[in-house]
Amino acid sequence: MAYPQTDRKHDPRIVIPVDDDFKEKVAVAVIRYRMGTTARFGREAFEHYIRHLEKESEPIKTEAA
């Protein structure tokens, strides 16, 4: 039996509740992937890497002449 053709990205019937715990798990998984390791690491390392990403994303500050 064929499935109905629906655009899953924009289908209003599909609702996925997301809580903060889930968001943190996803963030950790993304960071592990980007670091190229599946090793577990502590919250301090996690927060250090988040600060590193925040520094990278800040615009470069230049002094006006």
C-alpha atoms as a PDB file:
ATOM      1  CA  MET A   1       0.000   0.000   0.000  1.00  0.00           C
ATOM      2  CA  ALA A   2       1.370   3.380  -0.994  1.00  0.00           C
ATOM      3  CA  TYR A   3       1.759   6.200   1.476  1.00  0.00           C
ATOM      4  CA  PRO A   4      -0.045   9.465   0.712  1.00  0.00           C
ATOM      5  CA  GLN A   5       2.228  12.067  -0.839  1.00  0.00           C
ATOM      6  CA  THR A   6       2.640  14.803   1.748  1.00  0.00           C
ATOM      7  CA  ASP A   7       5.298  17.397   2.269  1.00  0.00           C
ATOM      8  CA  ARG A   8       6.431  16.276   5.723  1.00  0.00           C
ATOM      9  CA  LYS A   9       8.333  19.481   6.447  1.00  0.00           C
ATOM     10  CA  HIS A  10       5.216  21.614   6.211  1.00  0.00           C
ATOM     11  CA  ASP A  11       2.542  19.112   7.180  1.00  0.00           C
ATOM     12  CA  PRO A  12       0.566  20.770  10.020  1.00  0.00           C
ATOM     13  CA  ARG A  13      -0.584  17.357  11.300  1.00  0.00           C
ATOM     14  CA  ILE A  14       2.950  16.485  12.370  1.00  0.00           C
ATOM     15  CA  VAL A  15       3.680  18.080  15.742  1.00  0.00           C
ATOM     16  CA  ILE A  16       6.824  17.176  17.632  1.00  0.00           C
ATOM     17  CA  PRO A  17       6.993  18.579  21.162  1.00  0.00           C
ATOM     18  CA  VAL A  18      10.532  19.685  22.020  1.00  0.00           C
ATOM     19  CA  ASP A  19      11.683  20.355  25.555  1.00  0.00           C
ATOM     20  CA  ASP A  20      14.962  21.874  26.765  1.00  0.00           C
ATOM     21  CA  ASP A  21      16.414  18.465  27.687  1.00  0.00           C
ATOM     22  CA  PHE A  22      15.920  17.277  24.107  1.00  0.00           C
ATOM     23  CA  LYS A  23      17.527  20.458  22.731  1.00  0.00           C
ATOM     24  CA  GLU A  24      20.569  19.906  24.952  1.00  0.00           C
ATOM     25  CA  LYS A  25      20.894  16.277  23.803  1.00  0.00           C
ATOM     26  CA  VAL A  26      20.757  17.394  20.165  1.00  0.00           C
ATOM     27  CA  ALA A  27      23.354  20.104  20.830  1.00  0.00           C
ATOM     28  CA  VAL A  28      25.688  17.561  22.447  1.00  0.00           C
ATOM     29  CA  ALA A  29      25.249  15.168  19.519  1.00  0.00           C
ATOM     30  CA  VAL A  30      26.019  17.936  17.009  1.00  0.00           C
ATOM     31  CA  ILE A  31      29.106  19.001  18.958  1.00  0.00           C
ATOM     32  CA  ARG A  32      30.358  15.408  19.179  1.00  0.00           C
ATOM     33  CA  TYR A  33      29.877  15.052  15.425  1.00  0.00           C
ATOM     34  CA  ARG A  34      31.704  18.312  14.689  1.00  0.00           C
ATOM     35  CA  MET A  35      34.555  17.352  17.016  1.00  0.00           C
ATOM     36  CA  GLY A  36      34.836  13.990  15.297  1.00  0.00           C
ATOM     37  CA  THR A  37      34.420  11.905  18.437  1.00  0.00           C
ATOM     38  CA  THR A  38      31.727   9.876  20.097  1.00  0.00           C
ATOM     39  CA  ALA A  39      33.478  10.056  23.468  1.00  0.00           C
ATOM     40  CA  ARG A  40      31.473  11.329  26.403  1.00  0.00           C
ATOM     41  CA  PHE A  41      32.727  14.529  27.920  1.00  0.00           C
ATOM     42  CA  GLY A  42      31.763  16.548  30.956  1.00  0.00           C
ATOM     43  CA  ARG A  43      29.615  19.632  31.241  1.00  0.00           C
ATOM     44  CA  GLU A  44      32.695  21.865  31.612  1.00  0.00           C
ATOM     45  CA  ALA A  45      34.031  20.757  28.234  1.00  0.00           C
ATOM     46  CA  PHE A  46      30.573  21.224  26.732  1.00  0.00           C
ATOM     47  CA  GLU A  47      30.308  24.775  28.096  1.00  0.00           C
ATOM     48  CA  HIS A  48      33.869  25.568  26.983  1.00  0.00           C
ATOM     49  CA  TYR A  49      33.052  24.508  23.431  1.00  0.00           C
ATOM     50  CA  ILE A  50      29.822  26.557  23.482  1.00  0.00           C
ATOM     51  CA  ARG A  51      31.835  29.636  24.532  1.00  0.00           C
ATOM     52  CA  HIS A  52      34.281  28.886  21.703  1.00  0.00           C
ATOM     53  CA  LEU A  53      31.410  28.794  19.195  1.00  0.00           C
ATOM     54  CA  GLU A  54      29.971  32.031  20.597  1.00  0.00           C
ATOM     55  CA  LYS A  55      33.348  33.769  20.155  1.00  0.00           C
ATOM     56  CA  GLU A  56      33.536  32.538  16.555  1.00  0.00           C
ATOM     57  CA  SER A  57      30.059  33.847  15.801  1.00  0.00           C
ATOM     58  CA  GLU A  58      30.692  37.340  17.217  1.00  0.00           C
ATOM     59  CA  PRO A  59      31.298  40.035  14.609  1.00  0.00           C
ATOM     60  CA  ILE A  60      34.869  41.276  14.426  1.00  0.00           C
ATOM     61  CA  LYS A  61      35.191  44.470  16.446  1.00  0.00           C
ATOM     62  CA  THR A  62      37.101  47.252  14.715  1.00  0.00           C
ATOM     63  CA  GLU A  63      37.902  50.607  16.238  1.00  0.00           C
ATOM     64  CA  ALA A  64      36.715  53.651  14.312  1.00  0.00           C
ATOM     65  CA  ALA A  65      39.601  55.865  13.193  1.00  0.00           C
END
